Structure formats: structure tokens, C-alpha cells
Amino acid sequence: MIARQPESWIYRAVDPDWRWGIAEHIAAIQADNLNTLVWAKTKDAARGKNAPKPIPRPHAPSKTVAEDMTPEEIEEILARPRTEVTDTETI
């Protein structure tokens, strides 16, 4: 078990995203929101073009699943029978 101590060299070696704590995530959210607010006052926003890209975060996929799927594929997945997820299962 590794203790969650970001100042530990072992923790830094095991977790390459150790620099991203809660404060960094909140700062990135604030910057993204500010960029969106500034963009919202431009002519590009009125046309729906050149929206600002969010700051990349660790462990975040570059694309959402919905961007790679058709609406029919999404409907098929949502129509599948549900099963209970336990703590030991990985998604």
C-alpha cells in the first residue's frame, strides 16, 4: 500500500500525475470557465465557432464515448439489461 503523500518520492514515481491535486483541478476549472466567459462576448461565439478548448487534465479521455458512436449505438447500449456492479469489478 502506498501512502498518499505527494511529497514522497515513491508516490511521485508511481503516480505520474502527482502534481494534480484538488487545488490544481479547481484552478483548471476556473480558467476554463473564464475562457468560456470571455469567448461568449465575441463574434465567434455568436456564430458558434472557435470555442476555447479546456485545459487537459490527467486521466481524462481526449474524446467522449458519444463522439465516437452513432445515436443508434448509444440506444442499443442503454437498452442492455443492467447488472449490479460490485466493488471488485472494474469498469
PDB file of N, CA and C in Angstrom:
ATOM      1  N   MET A   1       0.841  -1.178   0.000  1.00  0.00           N
ATOM      2  CA  MET A   1       0.000   0.000   0.000  1.00  0.00           C
ATOM      3  C   MET A   1       0.883   1.236   0.000  1.00  0.00           C
ATOM      4  N   ILE A   2       0.525   2.197  -0.811  1.00  0.00           N
ATOM      5  CA  ILE A   2       1.290   3.440  -0.884  1.00  0.00           C
ATOM      6  C   ILE A   2       0.508   4.529  -0.165  1.00  0.00           C
ATOM      7  N   ALA A   3       1.184   5.194   0.750  1.00  0.00           N
ATOM      8  CA  ALA A   3       0.539   6.303   1.437  1.00  0.00           C
ATOM      9  C   ALA A   3       0.376   7.466   0.463  1.00  0.00           C
ATOM     10  N   ARG A   4      -0.717   8.148   0.564  1.00  0.00           N
ATOM     11  CA  ARG A   4      -0.972   9.287  -0.323  1.00  0.00           C
ATOM     12  C   ARG A   4      -0.254  10.517   0.207  1.00  0.00           C
ATOM     13  N   GLN A   5       1.041  10.536   0.021  1.00  0.00           N
ATOM     14  CA  GLN A   5       1.865  11.671   0.416  1.00  0.00           C
ATOM     15  C   GLN A   5       2.593  12.172  -0.822  1.00  0.00           C
ATOM     16  N   PRO A   6       2.079  13.225  -1.454  1.00  0.00           N
ATOM     17  CA  PRO A   6       2.685  13.700  -2.700  1.00  0.00           C
ATOM     18  C   PRO A   6       4.145  14.111  -2.561  1.00  0.00           C
ATOM     19  N   GLU A   7       4.581  14.408  -1.353  1.00  0.00           N
ATOM     20  CA  GLU A   7       5.991  14.776  -1.184  1.00  0.00           C
ATOM     21  C   GLU A   7       6.917  13.557  -1.179  1.00  0.00           C
ATOM     22  N   SER A   8       6.341  12.351  -1.154  1.00  0.00           N
ATOM     23  CA  SER A   8       7.127  11.127  -1.153  1.00  0.00           C
ATOM     24  C   SER A   8       7.635  10.819  -2.564  1.00  0.00           C
ATOM     25  N   TRP A   9       8.913  10.458  -2.680  1.00  0.00           N
ATOM     26  CA  TRP A   9       9.494  10.119  -3.987  1.00  0.00           C
ATOM     27  C   TRP A   9       8.869   8.855  -4.559  1.00  0.00           C
ATOM     28  N   ILE A  10       8.508   7.935  -3.699  1.00  0.00           N
ATOM     29  CA  ILE A  10       7.873   6.704  -4.169  1.00  0.00           C
ATOM     30  C   ILE A  10       6.507   7.024  -4.767  1.00  0.00           C
ATOM     31  N   TYR A  11       5.744   7.859  -4.093  1.00  0.00           N
ATOM     32  CA  TYR A  11       4.437   8.251  -4.601  1.00  0.00           C
ATOM     33  C   TYR A  11       4.579   8.940  -5.958  1.00  0.00           C
ATOM     34  N   ARG A  12       5.565   9.809  -6.087  1.00  0.00           N
ATOM     35  CA  ARG A  12       5.788  10.520  -7.346  1.00  0.00           C
ATOM     36  C   ARG A  12       6.208   9.571  -8.462  1.00  0.00           C
ATOM     37  N   ALA A  13       6.974   8.540  -8.119  1.00  0.00           N
ATOM     38  CA  ALA A  13       7.412   7.575  -9.125  1.00  0.00           C
ATOM     39  C   ALA A  13       6.248   6.709  -9.608  1.00  0.00           C
ATOM     40  N   VAL A  14       5.325   6.382  -8.719  1.00  0.00           N
ATOM     41  CA  VAL A  14       4.207   5.510  -9.057  1.00  0.00           C
ATOM     42  C   VAL A  14       3.091   6.285  -9.767  1.00  0.00           C
ATOM     43  N   ASP A  15       2.856   7.515  -9.364  1.00  0.00           N
ATOM     44  CA  ASP A  15       1.760   8.314  -9.924  1.00  0.00           C
ATOM     45  C   ASP A  15       2.331   9.481 -10.722  1.00  0.00           C
ATOM     46  N   PRO A  16       2.377   9.370 -12.061  1.00  0.00           N
ATOM     47  CA  PRO A  16       2.963  10.438 -12.862  1.00  0.00           C
ATOM     48  C   PRO A  16       2.156  11.731 -12.819  1.00  0.00           C
ATOM     49  N   ASP A  17       0.922  11.685 -12.367  1.00  0.00           N
ATOM     50  CA  ASP A  17       0.082  12.882 -12.290  1.00  0.00           C
ATOM     51  C   ASP A  17       0.008  13.437 -10.874  1.00  0.00           C
ATOM     52  N   TRP A  18       1.068  13.238 -10.095  1.00  0.00           N
ATOM     53  CA  TRP A  18       1.059  13.640  -8.694  1.00  0.00           C
ATOM     54  C   TRP A  18       0.908  15.139  -8.514  1.00  0.00           C
ATOM     55  N   ARG A  19       1.238  15.918  -9.523  1.00  0.00           N
ATOM     56  CA  ARG A  19       1.144  17.377  -9.384  1.00  0.00           C
ATOM     57  C   ARG A  19      -0.305  17.869  -9.374  1.00  0.00           C
ATOM     58  N   TRP A  20      -1.228  17.040  -9.838  1.00  0.00           N
ATOM     59  CA  TRP A  20      -2.629  17.449  -9.944  1.00  0.00           C
ATOM     60  C   TRP A  20      -3.394  17.084  -8.687  1.00  0.00           C
ATOM     61  N   GLY A  21      -3.442  18.010  -7.756  1.00  0.00           N
ATOM     62  CA  GLY A  21      -4.257  17.849  -6.562  1.00  0.00           C
ATOM     63  C   GLY A  21      -5.593  18.545  -6.771  1.00  0.00           C
ATOM     64  N   ILE A  22      -6.382  18.633  -5.731  1.00  0.00           N
ATOM     65  CA  ILE A  22      -7.698  19.257  -5.831  1.00  0.00           C
ATOM     66  C   ILE A  22      -7.568  20.739  -6.185  1.00  0.00           C
ATOM     67  N   ALA A  23      -6.569  21.422  -5.648  1.00  0.00           N
ATOM     68  CA  ALA A  23      -6.395  22.854  -5.935  1.00  0.00           C
ATOM     69  C   ALA A  23      -6.102  23.079  -7.418  1.00  0.00           C
ATOM     70  N   GLU A  24      -5.298  22.217  -8.019  1.00  0.00           N
ATOM     71  CA  GLU A  24      -4.977  22.350  -9.444  1.00  0.00           C
ATOM     72  C   GLU A  24      -6.199  22.067 -10.319  1.00  0.00           C
ATOM     73  N   HIS A  25      -6.996  21.086  -9.925  1.00  0.00           N
ATOM     74  CA  HIS A  25      -8.220  20.790 -10.677  1.00  0.00           C
ATOM     75  C   HIS A  25      -9.201  21.964 -10.605  1.00  0.00           C
ATOM     76  N   ILE A  26      -9.339  22.556  -9.428  1.00  0.00           N
ATOM     77  CA  ILE A  26     -10.233  23.703  -9.272  1.00  0.00           C
ATOM     78  C   ILE A  26      -9.716  24.893 -10.076  1.00  0.00           C
ATOM     79  N   ALA A  27      -8.409  25.126 -10.061  1.00  0.00           N
ATOM     80  CA  ALA A  27      -7.830  26.226 -10.843  1.00  0.00           C
ATOM     81  C   ALA A  27      -8.064  26.015 -12.341  1.00  0.00           C
ATOM     82  N   ALA A  28      -7.950  24.780 -12.812  1.00  0.00           N
ATOM     83  CA  ALA A  28      -8.191  24.485 -14.228  1.00  0.00           C
ATOM     84  C   ALA A  28      -9.653  24.723 -14.583  1.00  0.00           C
ATOM     85  N   ILE A  29     -10.562  24.350 -13.705  1.00  0.00           N
ATOM     86  CA  ILE A  29     -11.987  24.591 -13.939  1.00  0.00           C
ATOM     87  C   ILE A  29     -12.261  26.089 -14.001  1.00  0.00           C
ATOM     88  N   GLN A  30     -11.662  26.839 -13.088  1.00  0.00           N
ATOM     89  CA  GLN A  30     -11.862  28.284 -13.088  1.00  0.00           C
ATOM     90  C   GLN A  30     -11.324  28.913 -14.369  1.00  0.00           C
ATOM     91  N   ALA A  31     -10.153  28.481 -14.807  1.00  0.00           N
ATOM     92  CA  ALA A  31      -9.574  29.017 -16.042  1.00  0.00           C
ATOM     93  C   ALA A  31     -10.438  28.671 -17.245  1.00  0.00           C
ATOM     94  N   ASP A  32     -10.948  27.442 -17.300  1.00  0.00           N
ATOM     95  CA  ASP A  32     -11.829  27.043 -18.402  1.00  0.00           C
ATOM     96  C   ASP A  32     -13.094  27.900 -18.419  1.00  0.00           C
ATOM     97  N   ASN A  33     -13.679  28.110 -17.254  1.00  0.00           N
ATOM     98  CA  ASN A  33     -14.897  28.922 -17.180  1.00  0.00           C
ATOM     99  C   ASN A  33     -14.630  30.367 -17.571  1.00  0.00           C
ATOM    100  N   LEU A  34     -13.507  30.912 -17.155  1.00  0.00           N
ATOM    101  CA  LEU A  34     -13.156  32.287 -17.522  1.00  0.00           C
ATOM    102  C   LEU A  34     -12.937  32.391 -19.033  1.00  0.00           C
ATOM    103  N   ASN A  35     -12.247  31.430 -19.608  1.00  0.00           N
ATOM    104  CA  ASN A  35     -12.042  31.434 -21.061  1.00  0.00           C
ATOM    105  C   ASN A  35     -13.374  31.372 -21.804  1.00  0.00           C
ATOM    106  N   THR A  36     -14.298  30.574 -21.297  1.00  0.00           N
ATOM    107  CA  THR A  36     -15.609  30.467 -21.933  1.00  0.00           C
ATOM    108  C   THR A  36     -16.389  31.774 -21.812  1.00  0.00           C
ATOM    109  N   LEU A  37     -16.306  32.423 -20.651  1.00  0.00           N
ATOM    110  CA  LEU A  37     -16.994  33.705 -20.479  1.00  0.00           C
ATOM    111  C   LEU A  37     -16.436  34.771 -21.406  1.00  0.00           C
ATOM    112  N   VAL A  38     -15.122  34.833 -21.543  1.00  0.00           N
ATOM    113  CA  VAL A  38     -14.502  35.806 -22.439  1.00  0.00           C
ATOM    114  C   VAL A  38     -14.903  35.507 -23.885  1.00  0.00           C
ATOM    115  N   TRP A  39     -14.866  34.232 -24.260  1.00  0.00           N
ATOM    116  CA  TRP A  39     -15.243  33.832 -25.615  1.00  0.00           C
ATOM    117  C   TRP A  39     -16.711  34.162 -25.900  1.00  0.00           C
ATOM    118  N   ALA A  40     -17.575  34.049 -24.882  1.00  0.00           N
ATOM    119  CA  ALA A  40     -19.007  34.263 -25.064  1.00  0.00           C
ATOM    120  C   ALA A  40     -19.332  35.677 -25.529  1.00  0.00           C
ATOM    121  N   LYS A  41     -18.432  36.618 -25.319  1.00  0.00           N
ATOM    122  CA  LYS A  41     -18.666  38.009 -25.710  1.00  0.00           C
ATOM    123  C   LYS A  41     -18.110  38.338 -27.093  1.00  0.00           C
ATOM    124  N   THR A  42     -17.662  37.332 -27.830  1.00  0.00           N
ATOM    125  CA  THR A  42     -17.047  37.580 -29.136  1.00  0.00           C
ATOM    126  C   THR A  42     -18.011  37.263 -30.271  1.00  0.00           C
ATOM    127  N   LYS A  43     -17.639  37.715 -31.460  1.00  0.00           N
ATOM    128  CA  LYS A  43     -18.435  37.408 -32.653  1.00  0.00           C
ATOM    129  C   LYS A  43     -18.392  35.918 -32.966  1.00  0.00           C
ATOM    130  N   ASP A  44     -17.265  35.279 -32.674  1.00  0.00           N
ATOM    131  CA  ASP A  44     -17.166  33.829 -32.891  1.00  0.00           C
ATOM    132  C   ASP A  44     -18.209  33.071 -32.067  1.00  0.00           C
ATOM    133  N   ALA A  45     -18.455  33.530 -30.851  1.00  0.00           N
ATOM    134  CA  ALA A  45     -19.444  32.862 -30.008  1.00  0.00           C
ATOM    135  C   ALA A  45     -20.836  32.993 -30.609  1.00  0.00           C
ATOM    136  N   ALA A  46     -21.137  34.156 -31.174  1.00  0.00           N
ATOM    137  CA  ALA A  46     -22.444  34.355 -31.802  1.00  0.00           C
ATOM    138  C   ALA A  46     -22.632  33.405 -32.977  1.00  0.00           C
ATOM    139  N   ARG A  47     -21.533  33.064 -33.629  1.00  0.00           N
ATOM    140  CA  ARG A  47     -21.583  32.137 -34.760  1.00  0.00           C
ATOM    141  C   ARG A  47     -21.377  30.682 -34.323  1.00  0.00           C
ATOM    142  N   GLY A  48     -21.020  30.483 -33.052  1.00  0.00           N
ATOM    143  CA  GLY A  48     -20.766  29.132 -32.552  1.00  0.00           C
ATOM    144  C   GLY A  48     -19.456  28.550 -33.029  1.00  0.00           C
ATOM    145  N   LYS A  49     -18.451  29.407 -33.261  1.00  0.00           N
ATOM    146  CA  LYS A  49     -17.163  28.949 -33.784  1.00  0.00           C
ATOM    147  C   LYS A  49     -16.044  29.234 -32.791  1.00  0.00           C
ATOM    148  N   ASN A  50     -14.969  28.485 -32.963  1.00  0.00           N
ATOM    149  CA  ASN A  50     -13.716  28.698 -32.219  1.00  0.00           C
ATOM    150  C   ASN A  50     -13.906  28.749 -30.706  1.00  0.00           C
ATOM    151  N   ALA A  51     -14.703  27.851 -30.185  1.00  0.00           N
ATOM    152  CA  ALA A  51     -14.869  27.777 -28.734  1.00  0.00           C
ATOM    153  C   ALA A  51     -13.542  27.403 -28.096  1.00  0.00           C
ATOM    154  N   PRO A  52     -13.240  27.948 -26.916  1.00  0.00           N
ATOM    155  CA  PRO A  52     -11.966  27.619 -26.276  1.00  0.00           C
ATOM    156  C   PRO A  52     -11.903  26.158 -25.863  1.00  0.00           C
ATOM    157  N   LYS A  53     -10.724  25.582 -25.989  1.00  0.00           N
ATOM    158  CA  LYS A  53     -10.512  24.189 -25.587  1.00  0.00           C
ATOM    159  C   LYS A  53     -10.198  24.157 -24.087  1.00  0.00           C
ATOM    160  N   PRO A  54     -10.715  23.175 -23.363  1.00  0.00           N
ATOM    161  CA  PRO A  54     -10.411  23.089 -21.934  1.00  0.00           C
ATOM    162  C   PRO A  54      -8.959  22.692 -21.695  1.00  0.00           C
ATOM    163  N   ILE A  55      -8.474  23.051 -20.541  1.00  0.00           N
ATOM    164  CA  ILE A  55      -7.129  22.660 -20.139  1.00  0.00           C
ATOM    165  C   ILE A  55      -7.116  21.140 -19.979  1.00  0.00           C
ATOM    166  N   PRO A  56      -6.147  20.449 -20.605  1.00  0.00           N
ATOM    167  CA  PRO A  56      -6.109  18.985 -20.467  1.00  0.00           C
ATOM    168  C   PRO A  56      -5.839  18.569 -19.018  1.00  0.00           C
ATOM    169  N   ARG A  57      -6.580  17.596 -18.558  1.00  0.00           N
ATOM    170  CA  ARG A  57      -6.390  17.076 -17.206  1.00  0.00           C
ATOM    171  C   ARG A  57      -5.878  15.650 -17.270  1.00  0.00           C
ATOM    172  N   PRO A  58      -5.122  15.249 -16.249  1.00  0.00           N
ATOM    173  CA  PRO A  58      -4.667  13.858 -16.229  1.00  0.00           C
ATOM    174  C   PRO A  58      -5.847  12.910 -16.041  1.00  0.00           C
ATOM    175  N   HIS A  59      -5.727  11.752 -16.598  1.00  0.00           N
ATOM    176  CA  HIS A  59      -6.734  10.686 -16.503  1.00  0.00           C
ATOM    177  C   HIS A  59      -8.033  11.039 -17.210  1.00  0.00           C
ATOM    178  N   ALA A  60      -8.053  12.107 -17.985  1.00  0.00           N
ATOM    179  CA  ALA A  60      -9.270  12.471 -18.708  1.00  0.00           C
ATOM    180  C   ALA A  60      -9.130  12.030 -20.155  1.00  0.00           C
ATOM    181  N   PRO A  61     -10.128  11.333 -20.685  1.00  0.00           N
ATOM    182  CA  PRO A  61     -10.033  10.921 -22.086  1.00  0.00           C
ATOM    183  C   PRO A  61     -10.072  12.129 -23.009  1.00  0.00           C
ATOM    184  N   SER A  62      -9.405  12.029 -24.140  1.00  0.00           N
ATOM    185  CA  SER A  62      -9.381  13.148 -25.072  1.00  0.00           C
ATOM    186  C   SER A  62     -10.706  13.302 -25.805  1.00  0.00           C
ATOM    187  N   LYS A  63     -11.457  12.207 -25.963  1.00  0.00           N
ATOM    188  CA  LYS A  63     -12.769  12.249 -26.599  1.00  0.00           C
ATOM    189  C   LYS A  63     -13.773  11.565 -25.699  1.00  0.00           C
ATOM    190  N   THR A  64     -15.003  11.985 -25.822  1.00  0.00           N
ATOM    191  CA  THR A  64     -16.046  11.294 -25.078  1.00  0.00           C
ATOM    192  C   THR A  64     -16.516  10.106 -25.904  1.00  0.00           C
ATOM    193  N   VAL A  65     -17.125   9.160 -25.252  1.00  0.00           N
ATOM    194  CA  VAL A  65     -17.604   7.962 -25.937  1.00  0.00           C
ATOM    195  C   VAL A  65     -18.654   8.339 -26.964  1.00  0.00           C
ATOM    196  N   ALA A  66     -19.495   9.316 -26.637  1.00  0.00           N
ATOM    197  CA  ALA A  66     -20.589   9.692 -27.523  1.00  0.00           C
ATOM    198  C   ALA A  66     -20.082  10.250 -28.850  1.00  0.00           C
ATOM    199  N   GLU A  67     -18.898  10.839 -28.888  1.00  0.00           N
ATOM    200  CA  GLU A  67     -18.370  11.393 -30.130  1.00  0.00           C
ATOM    201  C   GLU A  67     -18.009  10.293 -31.126  1.00  0.00           C
ATOM    202  N   ASP A  68     -17.715   9.108 -30.626  1.00  0.00           N
ATOM    203  CA  ASP A  68     -17.301   8.011 -31.486  1.00  0.00           C
ATOM    204  C   ASP A  68     -18.446   7.073 -31.848  1.00  0.00           C
ATOM    205  N   MET A  69     -19.659   7.362 -31.370  1.00  0.00           N
ATOM    206  CA  MET A  69     -20.767   6.435 -31.558  1.00  0.00           C
ATOM    207  C   MET A  69     -21.939   7.135 -32.247  1.00  0.00           C
ATOM    208  N   THR A  70     -22.693   6.331 -32.953  1.00  0.00           N
ATOM    209  CA  THR A  70     -23.917   6.847 -33.564  1.00  0.00           C
ATOM    210  C   THR A  70     -25.032   6.822 -32.515  1.00  0.00           C
ATOM    211  N   PRO A  71     -26.089   7.588 -32.726  1.00  0.00           N
ATOM    212  CA  PRO A  71     -27.201   7.543 -31.767  1.00  0.00           C
ATOM    213  C   PRO A  71     -27.803   6.142 -31.628  1.00  0.00           C
ATOM    214  N   GLU A  72     -27.805   5.374 -32.710  1.00  0.00           N
ATOM    215  CA  GLU A  72     -28.348   4.013 -32.634  1.00  0.00           C
ATOM    216  C   GLU A  72     -27.496   3.131 -31.728  1.00  0.00           C
ATOM    217  N   GLU A  73     -26.177   3.287 -31.800  1.00  0.00           N
ATOM    218  CA  GLU A  73     -25.281   2.506 -30.940  1.00  0.00           C
ATOM    219  C   GLU A  73     -25.480   2.877 -29.470  1.00  0.00           C
ATOM    220  N   ILE A  74     -25.671   4.151 -29.201  1.00  0.00           N
ATOM    221  CA  ILE A  74     -25.912   4.584 -27.823  1.00  0.00           C
ATOM    222  C   ILE A  74     -27.225   4.015 -27.310  1.00  0.00           C
ATOM    223  N   GLU A  75     -28.271   4.056 -28.137  1.00  0.00           N
ATOM    224  CA  GLU A  75     -29.567   3.499 -27.743  1.00  0.00           C
ATOM    225  C   GLU A  75     -29.459   2.002 -27.456  1.00  0.00           C
ATOM    226  N   GLU A  76     -28.671   1.282 -28.264  1.00  0.00           N
ATOM    227  CA  GLU A  76     -28.504  -0.157 -28.057  1.00  0.00           C
ATOM    228  C   GLU A  76     -27.810  -0.425 -26.718  1.00  0.00           C
ATOM    229  N   ILE A  77     -26.804   0.362 -26.389  1.00  0.00           N
ATOM    230  CA  ILE A  77     -26.103   0.184 -25.107  1.00  0.00           C
ATOM    231  C   ILE A  77     -27.030   0.490 -23.946  1.00  0.00           C
ATOM    232  N   LEU A  78     -27.812   1.554 -24.053  1.00  0.00           N
ATOM    233  CA  LEU A  78     -28.727   1.914 -22.972  1.00  0.00           C
ATOM    234  C   LEU A  78     -29.862   0.913 -22.802  1.00  0.00           C
ATOM    235  N   ALA A  79     -30.172   0.173 -23.854  1.00  0.00           N
ATOM    236  CA  ALA A  79     -31.250  -0.813 -23.784  1.00  0.00           C
ATOM    237  C   ALA A  79     -30.789  -2.148 -23.200  1.00  0.00           C
ATOM    238  N   ARG A  80     -29.502  -2.325 -23.016  1.00  0.00           N
ATOM    239  CA  ARG A  80     -28.992  -3.590 -22.456  1.00  0.00           C
ATOM    240  C   ARG A  80     -29.469  -3.775 -21.022  1.00  0.00           C
ATOM    241  N   PRO A  81     -29.611  -5.031 -20.594  1.00  0.00           N
ATOM    242  CA  PRO A  81     -30.011  -5.288 -19.204  1.00  0.00           C
ATOM    243  C   PRO A  81     -28.949  -4.776 -18.230  1.00  0.00           C
ATOM    244  N   ARG A  82     -29.408  -4.257 -17.111  1.00  0.00           N
ATOM    245  CA  ARG A  82     -28.494  -3.723 -16.100  1.00  0.00           C
ATOM    246  C   ARG A  82     -28.095  -4.836 -15.137  1.00  0.00           C
ATOM    247  N   THR A  83     -26.847  -4.783 -14.679  1.00  0.00           N
ATOM    248  CA  THR A  83     -26.383  -5.709 -13.653  1.00  0.00           C
ATOM    249  C   THR A  83     -25.769  -4.907 -12.519  1.00  0.00           C
ATOM    250  N   GLU A  84     -25.792  -5.485 -11.356  1.00  0.00           N
ATOM    251  CA  GLU A  84     -25.233  -4.813 -10.200  1.00  0.00           C
ATOM    252  C   GLU A  84     -23.707  -4.798 -10.294  1.00  0.00           C
ATOM    253  N   VAL A  85     -23.108  -3.666  -9.986  1.00  0.00           N
ATOM    254  CA  VAL A  85     -21.649  -3.533 -10.005  1.00  0.00           C
ATOM    255  C   VAL A  85     -21.157  -3.636  -8.578  1.00  0.00           C
ATOM    256  N   THR A  86     -20.202  -4.549  -8.356  1.00  0.00           N
ATOM    257  CA  THR A  86     -19.620  -4.683  -7.020  1.00  0.00           C
ATOM    258  C   THR A  86     -18.309  -3.922  -6.971  1.00  0.00           C
ATOM    259  N   ASP A  87     -17.774  -3.784  -5.777  1.00  0.00           N
ATOM    260  CA  ASP A  87     -16.524  -3.043  -5.582  1.00  0.00           C
ATOM    261  C   ASP A  87     -15.339  -3.713  -6.261  1.00  0.00           C
ATOM    262  N   THR A  88     -15.399  -5.019  -6.473  1.00  0.00           N
ATOM    263  CA  THR A  88     -14.255  -5.730  -7.030  1.00  0.00           C
ATOM    264  C   THR A  88     -14.217  -5.675  -8.558  1.00  0.00           C
ATOM    265  N   GLU A  89     -15.324  -5.290  -9.184  1.00  0.00           N
ATOM    266  CA  GLU A  89     -15.359  -5.227 -10.636  1.00  0.00           C
ATOM    267  C   GLU A  89     -14.730  -3.927 -11.111  1.00  0.00           C
ATOM    268  N   THR A  90     -14.082  -3.992 -12.256  1.00  0.00           N
ATOM    269  CA  THR A  90     -13.569  -2.789 -12.876  1.00  0.00           C
ATOM    270  C   THR A  90     -14.406  -2.471 -14.099  1.00  0.00           C
ATOM    271  N   ILE A  91     -14.566  -1.224 -14.347  1.00  0.00           N
ATOM    272  CA  ILE A  91     -15.412  -0.811 -15.473  1.00  0.00           C
ATOM    273  C   ILE A  91     -14.553  -0.501 -16.663  1.00  0.00           C
TER     274      ILE A  91
END
